[in-house]
Amino acid sequence: MAKRKRKNIVDVKNHVLIPKHKKLSEKDKKELFEKYNITLKELPKIPLDDPALADIDAKEGDVIKITRESLTTGKSIFYRGVISG
């Protein structure tokens, strides 16, 4: 069976419902681990093939900072460890 091509692919990095994703530098990653006394294994995971990571140049082992804007809480920050898909 032939695969269908998608005609209307949404650019998720600019979609209103997708929060901001940013790769942490090695320095920021180390500071995060020290501040919370955690390791990469203890962070929630995000797969490398997640569409939100397409233009971030992420690799396995990186940490992604996700910033969500909310009318009720203002700004919420989450961290995810990148894993291979």
Protein backbone atom coordinates (compact mmCIF):
# COMPACT_ATOMS: atom_id res chain seq x y z
CA MET A 1 0.00 0.00 0.00
CA ALA A 2 1.43 3.38 -0.99
CA LYS A 3 1.99 6.05 1.64
CA ARG A 4 -0.06 9.20 1.35
CA LYS A 5 1.65 12.55 1.29
CA ARG A 6 0.36 15.17 3.69
CA LYS A 7 -0.59 18.38 1.95
CA ASN A 8 -1.28 20.69 4.87
CA ILE A 9 1.48 20.18 7.40
CA VAL A 10 1.27 22.58 10.33
CA ASP A 11 4.45 24.35 11.40
CA VAL A 12 4.26 23.42 15.09
CA LYS A 13 7.05 25.73 16.27
CA ASN A 14 4.85 28.75 15.48
CA HIS A 15 1.50 27.28 16.51
CA VAL A 16 -0.34 29.16 19.27
CA LEU A 17 -0.87 25.99 21.34
CA ILE A 18 2.78 24.90 21.33
CA PRO A 19 4.81 26.34 24.23
CA LYS A 20 8.31 27.75 23.73
CA HIS A 21 11.04 25.07 23.66
CA LYS A 22 14.70 25.94 24.27
CA LYS A 23 17.75 23.71 24.58
CA LEU A 24 19.78 24.41 27.73
CA SER A 25 23.50 25.02 27.47
CA GLU A 26 25.80 22.57 29.25
CA LYS A 27 26.40 25.22 31.95
CA ASP A 28 22.66 25.78 32.50
CA LYS A 29 22.07 22.02 32.49
CA LYS A 30 24.70 21.53 35.21
CA GLU A 31 23.24 24.38 37.29
CA LEU A 32 19.74 22.86 36.99
CA PHE A 33 20.99 19.46 38.17
CA GLU A 34 22.85 21.02 41.11
CA LYS A 35 19.97 23.31 42.12
CA TYR A 36 17.45 20.46 42.33
CA ASN A 37 19.94 17.68 43.15
CA ILE A 38 18.75 15.56 40.22
CA THR A 39 20.16 13.74 37.21
CA LEU A 40 19.03 13.53 33.61
CA LYS A 41 17.36 10.18 34.32
CA GLU A 42 15.04 11.83 36.84
CA LEU A 43 13.59 14.36 34.38
CA PRO A 44 10.44 13.65 32.39
CA LYS A 45 11.32 12.64 28.83
CA ILE A 46 10.74 14.16 25.40
CA PRO A 47 11.51 12.09 22.30
CA LEU A 48 14.08 13.38 19.85
CA ASP A 49 11.56 13.13 17.01
CA ASP A 50 9.04 15.42 18.76
CA PRO A 51 8.01 18.05 16.17
CA ALA A 52 8.64 20.88 18.67
CA LEU A 53 12.36 19.99 18.61
CA ALA A 54 12.71 20.14 14.83
CA ASP A 55 14.69 23.41 14.68
CA ILE A 56 16.45 23.19 18.05
CA ASP A 57 19.35 20.92 16.99
CA ALA A 58 18.72 18.73 20.04
CA LYS A 59 20.45 15.41 20.64
CA GLU A 60 19.97 12.59 23.10
CA GLY A 61 20.98 13.69 26.59
CA ASP A 62 20.10 17.37 26.12
CA VAL A 63 17.68 19.17 28.43
CA ILE A 64 14.82 21.20 26.99
CA LYS A 65 13.28 24.11 28.87
CA ILE A 66 9.58 24.47 28.08
CA THR A 67 7.92 27.78 28.94
CA ARG A 68 4.13 27.83 28.96
CA GLU A 69 2.13 31.05 29.19
CA SER A 70 -1.13 30.85 31.13
CA LEU A 71 -3.87 33.33 31.98
CA THR A 72 -4.19 31.85 35.47
CA THR A 73 -0.58 31.15 36.47
CA GLY A 74 1.31 33.58 34.26
CA LYS A 75 4.38 31.59 33.22
CA SER A 76 5.18 27.96 34.01
CA ILE A 77 8.56 26.36 33.32
CA PHE A 78 9.11 22.65 32.76
CA TYR A 79 12.24 20.66 31.91
CA ARG A 80 12.45 17.53 29.76
CA GLY A 81 15.35 15.20 29.00
CA VAL A 82 15.76 14.29 25.33
CA ILE A 83 15.69 10.58 24.53
CA SER A 84 16.01 8.80 21.20
CA GLY A 85 12.57 8.23 19.66
